[in-house]
Amino acid sequence: MKTRALAAFLAASLVLPARSASAVTVDGRLEPDYGAALSIQTTQTGNGDSPFAQVMTAGGSELDQAYGFIAGGVLHVFLSGNLMYVPGAELMGHWLPTDLFIDSGPGGQNRLRSDNPAIEPSYDLNPMAGLTFDAAFEADYWLSCGSTYFFTPLRAYFATLPTGGGGTGYYLGYAPTGGPGTLSGGTNPDGIEAALDNSNRGGVTAGCAAASGAGVTTGIEWAIPLSAIGNPTGCVKVCAIVCSQDHSTIANQVLGPAPPGTCNLGAASAVNFANIAGDQFFTVCPPPTPARATSWGLLKTIYR
């Protein structure tokens, strides 16, 4: 009896633990839990390189690196870089948005339709109608963060992208720059979190030539419960895009990256990522199923 109990205890103690999400604070800063970068920018930014470093404001938009992991029923995505802050009198300042498209299951839209949700004038998906993703990517969900005129805290948005169109979308809420990423004042049934730290001074420079986004540790961070994206059990594909305030044009800052020499892509309706070399998306996978490290030689030695 004791021998069987000992065997069960040893087998259980040798199960490899999954990474926990509880250690990650959503604040726009890279943490060790993310591991290695899943995608690194290779092209200068056509939206200007920020000449100053502040948690709230930046003089350009860039996507330097993409990180991600799935743990505790949550998809964590970190995009190092900046959101361009456009200043204005009193509360007129705003950030240009960065969009996140997620392919988390069968179906979705490989080519964006013209009947997707229009949440606010500045967060309307339909100016992007015609945007075509890589052949292996069909967007099921859209998330975006930035802000609108008269409202400077980071604002976040969400929409579903069913194959037949007519999805639902809503304003998730707002959060202060620098975190925490808890969103307030919107509709957020699944508890999505978002945060921005705009203090990056590294990464790519301005232009269209080759550059490296490696080494940047601040930017945009999302924590997306899997319940918000269809409860996927496998890998999730993500496409990150810097776009104009009305989402009608796309910069050259995409992850996965466009090839060096690619300038701003222009009208979203005319962009076809399938015609651009490489994958303009990255993949986040759940940790392997915990394996039982059953060293029978060790067990036999103990039982002797």
Protein backbone atom coordinates (compact mmCIF):
# COMPACT_ATOMS: atom_id res chain seq x y z
CA MET A 1 0.00 0.00 0.00
CA LYS A 2 2.76 2.42 1.00
CA THR A 3 4.70 1.52 -2.16
CA ARG A 4 1.74 2.38 -4.39
CA ALA A 5 1.14 5.65 -2.59
CA LEU A 6 4.80 6.59 -2.95
CA ALA A 7 4.70 5.80 -6.67
CA ALA A 8 1.65 7.98 -7.18
CA PHE A 9 3.24 10.82 -5.25
CA LEU A 10 6.48 10.66 -7.23
CA ALA A 11 4.68 10.53 -10.56
CA ALA A 12 2.57 13.55 -9.66
CA SER A 13 5.59 15.50 -8.44
CA LEU A 14 7.34 14.96 -11.77
CA VAL A 15 4.56 16.54 -13.84
CA LEU A 16 5.93 19.66 -15.55
CA PRO A 17 3.96 22.72 -14.40
CA ALA A 18 2.29 25.07 -16.91
CA ARG A 19 3.30 28.73 -16.86
CA SER A 20 0.96 30.81 -14.73
CA ALA A 21 -0.62 34.04 -15.95
CA SER A 22 -0.93 35.46 -12.45
CA ALA A 23 2.60 36.91 -12.50
CA VAL A 24 1.88 39.20 -15.46
CA THR A 25 0.77 42.75 -14.72
CA VAL A 26 -0.82 44.41 -17.74
CA ASP A 27 1.05 47.72 -17.79
CA GLY A 28 2.68 48.04 -21.23
CA ARG A 29 6.04 46.70 -20.05
CA LEU A 30 7.67 43.43 -21.08
CA GLU A 31 7.96 40.75 -18.40
CA PRO A 32 9.98 37.49 -18.36
CA ASP A 33 6.80 35.39 -18.67
CA TYR A 34 6.61 36.31 -22.35
CA GLY A 35 9.81 34.48 -23.24
CA ALA A 36 11.43 35.09 -26.63
CA ALA A 37 9.94 37.38 -29.28
CA LEU A 38 7.61 35.70 -31.76
CA SER A 39 8.18 38.35 -34.44
CA ILE A 40 10.73 41.17 -34.88
CA GLN A 41 10.31 44.24 -37.08
CA THR A 42 12.76 44.46 -39.99
CA THR A 43 11.58 47.72 -41.61
CA GLN A 44 11.86 51.37 -40.60
CA THR A 45 8.63 53.12 -39.69
CA GLY A 46 6.77 55.31 -42.15
CA ASN A 47 4.90 56.93 -39.26
CA GLY A 48 7.87 58.75 -37.76
CA ASP A 49 10.41 57.85 -35.09
CA SER A 50 9.63 59.31 -31.67
CA PRO A 51 12.21 61.96 -30.64
CA PHE A 52 11.19 61.87 -26.97
CA ALA A 53 10.33 59.28 -24.32
CA GLN A 54 7.29 59.68 -22.11
CA VAL A 55 4.85 57.11 -20.78
CA MET A 56 1.93 58.94 -22.40
CA THR A 57 3.21 60.75 -25.48
CA ALA A 58 5.32 59.70 -28.47
CA GLY A 59 6.12 61.43 -31.74
CA GLY A 60 5.69 58.38 -33.97
CA SER A 61 4.14 54.94 -34.30
CA GLU A 62 6.13 51.72 -34.61
CA LEU A 63 5.73 48.02 -33.95
CA ASP A 64 9.12 46.63 -32.94
CA GLN A 65 8.52 43.12 -31.60
CA ALA A 66 5.61 40.81 -30.85
CA TYR A 67 5.43 38.52 -27.83
CA GLY A 68 2.69 36.26 -26.62
CA PHE A 69 1.72 33.28 -24.50
CA ILE A 70 -1.43 31.50 -23.38
CA ALA A 71 -1.90 30.55 -19.73
CA GLY A 72 -4.70 30.44 -17.20
CA GLY A 73 -7.32 30.73 -19.94
CA VAL A 74 -5.88 34.04 -21.18
CA LEU A 75 -4.11 35.08 -24.38
CA HIS A 76 -1.38 37.59 -23.48
CA VAL A 77 -0.01 39.74 -26.31
CA PHE A 78 2.74 42.35 -25.97
CA LEU A 79 3.69 44.64 -28.88
CA SER A 80 6.81 46.65 -28.16
CA GLY A 81 6.92 50.08 -29.78
CA ASN A 82 4.91 53.32 -29.73
CA LEU A 83 1.55 54.87 -30.56
CA MET A 84 1.84 58.31 -32.14
CA TYR A 85 0.30 60.99 -29.94
CA VAL A 86 -1.26 63.89 -31.83
CA PRO A 87 -1.36 66.89 -29.47
CA GLY A 88 -4.17 69.40 -29.31
CA ALA A 89 -5.53 72.22 -27.21
CA GLU A 90 -6.83 71.20 -23.79
CA LEU A 91 -8.25 67.65 -24.19
CA MET A 92 -7.97 67.52 -27.98
CA GLY A 93 -4.94 65.21 -28.01
CA HIS A 94 -5.31 61.61 -29.15
CA TRP A 95 -3.31 58.52 -30.11
CA LEU A 96 -3.37 57.01 -33.57
CA PRO A 97 -4.69 53.42 -33.28
CA THR A 98 -3.06 50.04 -33.60
CA ASP A 99 -5.30 47.17 -34.68
CA LEU A 100 -5.10 43.53 -33.65
CA PHE A 101 -6.76 40.88 -35.81
CA ILE A 102 -7.10 37.39 -34.32
CA ASP A 103 -7.63 34.09 -36.13
CA SER A 104 -8.67 31.66 -33.41
CA GLY A 105 -10.81 29.06 -35.17
CA PRO A 106 -12.52 27.90 -38.37
CA GLY A 107 -14.24 30.49 -40.53
CA GLY A 108 -13.70 34.22 -40.27
CA GLN A 109 -12.79 36.77 -42.92
CA ASN A 110 -9.73 36.45 -45.15
CA ARG A 111 -10.93 39.60 -46.93
CA LEU A 112 -12.62 42.15 -44.71
CA ARG A 113 -16.26 42.76 -45.56
CA SER A 114 -18.06 46.09 -45.77
CA ASP A 115 -20.74 45.21 -43.19
CA ASN A 116 -18.55 44.84 -40.11
CA PRO A 117 -19.25 46.79 -36.88
CA ALA A 118 -18.99 50.58 -36.81
CA ILE A 119 -18.56 51.34 -33.12
CA GLU A 120 -17.60 55.03 -33.31
CA PRO A 121 -16.68 57.31 -36.24
CA SER A 122 -12.97 56.78 -35.51
CA TYR A 123 -13.40 53.08 -34.73
CA ASP A 124 -15.34 51.87 -37.73
CA LEU A 125 -14.06 48.73 -39.46
CA ASN A 126 -15.73 49.42 -42.78
CA PRO A 127 -13.10 51.83 -44.15
CA MET A 128 -10.85 48.74 -44.07
CA ALA A 129 -13.21 46.72 -46.28
CA GLY A 130 -11.22 44.91 -48.95
CA LEU A 131 -8.11 44.39 -46.81
CA THR A 132 -6.93 40.87 -47.60
CA PHE A 133 -4.81 38.81 -45.22
CA ASP A 134 -2.35 36.02 -45.99
CA ALA A 135 -3.95 32.86 -47.35
CA ALA A 136 -3.49 31.07 -44.02
CA PHE A 137 -5.23 33.81 -42.01
CA GLU A 138 -8.97 34.38 -41.55
CA ALA A 139 -9.75 37.04 -38.97
CA ASP A 140 -12.39 36.08 -36.39
CA TYR A 141 -11.95 39.02 -34.02
CA TRP A 142 -10.70 42.61 -34.07
CA LEU A 143 -9.30 44.64 -31.19
CA SER A 144 -8.02 48.17 -31.39
CA CYS A 145 -6.52 50.68 -28.99
CA GLY A 146 -5.83 54.40 -29.22
CA SER A 147 -8.10 57.30 -28.38
CA THR A 148 -10.46 59.85 -29.86
CA TYR A 149 -10.48 63.64 -29.67
CA PHE A 150 -11.35 65.05 -26.23
CA PHE A 151 -10.37 61.79 -24.49
CA THR A 152 -6.73 61.10 -23.71
CA PRO A 153 -6.78 57.88 -21.63
CA LEU A 154 -6.14 54.77 -23.68
CA ARG A 155 -9.40 53.52 -25.19
CA ALA A 156 -9.97 49.94 -26.37
CA TYR A 157 -12.46 48.38 -28.81
CA PHE A 158 -13.60 44.89 -29.80
CA ALA A 159 -15.59 43.29 -32.63
CA THR A 160 -16.47 39.85 -33.93
CA LEU A 161 -15.83 39.10 -37.61
CA PRO A 162 -18.08 36.19 -38.66
CA THR A 163 -17.66 34.76 -42.14
CA GLY A 164 -21.05 36.08 -43.23
CA GLY A 165 -20.55 39.55 -41.74
CA GLY A 166 -22.90 41.35 -39.39
CA GLY A 167 -20.75 40.90 -36.31
CA THR A 168 -21.08 42.67 -32.98
CA GLY A 169 -18.74 45.31 -31.63
CA TYR A 170 -18.40 47.52 -28.60
CA TYR A 171 -16.25 50.00 -26.78
CA LEU A 172 -14.41 48.05 -24.07
CA GLY A 173 -13.49 51.03 -21.90
CA TYR A 174 -10.48 53.14 -20.98
CA ALA A 175 -7.35 52.74 -18.86
CA PRO A 176 -4.61 55.15 -17.73
CA THR A 177 -1.26 55.11 -19.50
CA GLY A 178 1.33 52.99 -17.73
CA GLY A 179 -1.34 50.65 -16.42
CA PRO A 180 -3.02 48.98 -14.74
CA GLY A 181 -4.83 47.61 -17.75
CA THR A 182 -8.26 47.22 -16.15
CA LEU A 183 -10.73 48.88 -18.53
CA SER A 184 -13.56 51.04 -17.18
CA GLY A 185 -16.61 52.77 -18.58
CA GLY A 186 -17.40 50.40 -21.44
CA THR A 187 -18.93 47.03 -22.28
CA ASN A 188 -16.42 44.33 -21.39
CA PRO A 189 -18.16 41.07 -20.41
CA ASP A 190 -15.02 38.92 -20.62
CA GLY A 191 -12.70 41.27 -18.74
CA ILE A 192 -10.23 42.10 -21.53
CA GLU A 193 -7.34 44.29 -20.35
CA ALA A 194 -5.16 46.75 -22.30
CA ALA A 195 -2.28 49.05 -21.40
CA LEU A 196 0.16 51.47 -23.04
CA ASP A 197 3.65 52.60 -22.07
CA ASN A 198 4.85 54.99 -24.78
CA SER A 199 8.35 55.61 -23.41
CA ASN A 200 10.31 53.65 -26.06
CA ARG A 201 13.24 55.48 -27.66
CA GLY A 202 14.82 52.44 -29.32
CA GLY A 203 13.67 50.11 -32.06
CA VAL A 204 13.36 51.12 -35.69
CA THR A 205 14.03 54.59 -37.07
CA ALA A 206 12.05 56.61 -39.61
CA GLY A 207 11.93 55.60 -43.27
CA CYS A 208 11.35 52.48 -45.37
CA ALA A 209 14.76 50.79 -45.27
CA ALA A 210 15.95 47.77 -43.30
CA ALA A 211 16.02 48.17 -39.52
CA SER A 212 15.70 46.03 -36.41
CA GLY A 213 13.08 46.38 -33.70
CA ALA A 214 14.98 44.14 -31.28
CA GLY A 215 15.51 45.16 -27.67
CA VAL A 216 12.41 47.30 -27.02
CA THR A 217 10.64 46.51 -23.74
CA THR A 218 7.72 48.98 -23.60
CA GLY A 219 4.62 49.36 -25.75
CA ILE A 220 1.09 47.96 -26.03
CA GLU A 221 -0.09 45.05 -23.91
CA TRP A 222 -3.30 43.01 -24.08
CA ALA A 223 -4.72 40.29 -21.82
CA ILE A 224 -7.57 38.61 -23.70
CA PRO A 225 -9.54 35.84 -21.96
CA LEU A 226 -10.00 32.93 -24.35
CA SER A 227 -13.73 33.15 -23.67
CA ALA A 228 -13.72 36.43 -25.65
CA ILE A 229 -12.29 34.76 -28.76
CA GLY A 230 -14.26 31.54 -29.01
CA ASN A 231 -12.40 29.46 -26.38
CA PRO A 232 -9.72 28.12 -28.74
CA THR A 233 -7.80 25.05 -27.56
CA GLY A 234 -4.90 25.29 -29.99
CA CYS A 235 -2.65 27.95 -31.48
CA VAL A 236 -3.94 31.45 -32.23
CA LYS A 237 -2.77 33.63 -35.14
CA VAL A 238 -2.42 37.39 -34.64
CA CYS A 239 -1.90 40.23 -37.14
CA ALA A 240 -0.94 43.65 -35.72
CA ILE A 241 -1.31 46.76 -37.88
CA VAL A 242 -0.60 50.48 -37.41
CA CYS A 243 -3.32 52.46 -39.19
CA SER A 244 -4.70 55.98 -39.60
CA GLN A 245 -7.18 57.53 -37.18
CA ASP A 246 -10.17 56.51 -39.34
CA HIS A 247 -8.65 53.08 -40.16
CA SER A 248 -8.75 53.80 -43.90
CA THR A 249 -4.97 53.61 -44.49
CA ILE A 250 -2.23 51.29 -43.26
CA ALA A 251 1.36 52.17 -42.40
CA ASN A 252 4.31 49.89 -43.08
CA GLN A 253 4.36 48.79 -39.45
CA VAL A 254 2.90 45.29 -39.43
CA LEU A 255 3.81 42.18 -37.44
CA GLY A 256 4.85 39.84 -38.91
CA PRO A 257 6.83 42.47 -40.80
CA ALA A 258 6.67 43.56 -44.41
CA PRO A 259 10.04 43.21 -46.19
CA PRO A 260 12.63 46.01 -45.87
CA GLY A 261 12.04 48.63 -48.53
CA THR A 262 8.27 48.59 -47.97
CA CYS A 263 6.90 52.09 -47.41
CA ASN A 264 3.45 52.88 -46.03
CA LEU A 265 0.92 50.53 -47.61
CA GLY A 266 -1.75 53.15 -48.29
CA ALA A 267 -5.48 52.52 -48.64
CA ALA A 268 -6.49 49.50 -46.58
CA SER A 269 -9.02 48.48 -49.22
CA ALA A 270 -6.19 47.88 -51.72
CA VAL A 271 -3.79 45.98 -49.43
CA ASN A 272 -3.33 42.26 -50.03
CA PHE A 273 -0.85 40.69 -47.62
CA ALA A 274 -0.82 37.53 -49.75
CA ASN A 275 1.09 39.56 -52.35
CA ILE A 276 3.71 40.70 -49.81
CA ALA A 277 6.60 38.35 -49.02
CA GLY A 278 6.50 36.57 -45.69
CA ASP A 279 3.67 36.12 -43.21
CA GLN A 280 2.06 39.31 -41.93
CA PHE A 281 0.98 37.54 -38.76
CA PHE A 282 2.54 35.66 -35.87
CA THR A 283 1.36 32.59 -33.97
CA VAL A 284 0.84 32.15 -30.22
CA CYS A 285 0.51 28.57 -28.98
CA PRO A 286 -0.56 27.15 -25.62
CA PRO A 287 2.10 25.37 -23.57
CA PRO A 288 2.54 21.67 -24.28
CA THR A 289 0.30 19.32 -22.36
CA PRO A 290 2.14 18.58 -19.10
CA ALA A 291 4.15 15.41 -19.52
CA ARG A 292 4.72 12.84 -16.84
CA ALA A 293 8.47 12.38 -16.42
CA THR A 294 8.26 8.76 -15.32
CA SER A 295 11.76 7.59 -14.67
CA TRP A 296 11.10 3.89 -14.09
CA GLY A 297 14.77 3.37 -13.30
CA LEU A 298 14.46 5.87 -10.45
CA LEU A 299 11.26 4.28 -9.16
CA LYS A 300 12.75 0.79 -9.28
CA THR A 301 15.75 2.00 -7.30
CA ILE A 302 13.49 3.47 -4.63
CA TYR A 303 11.39 0.31 -4.34
CA ARG A 304 14.40 -2.00 -3.93
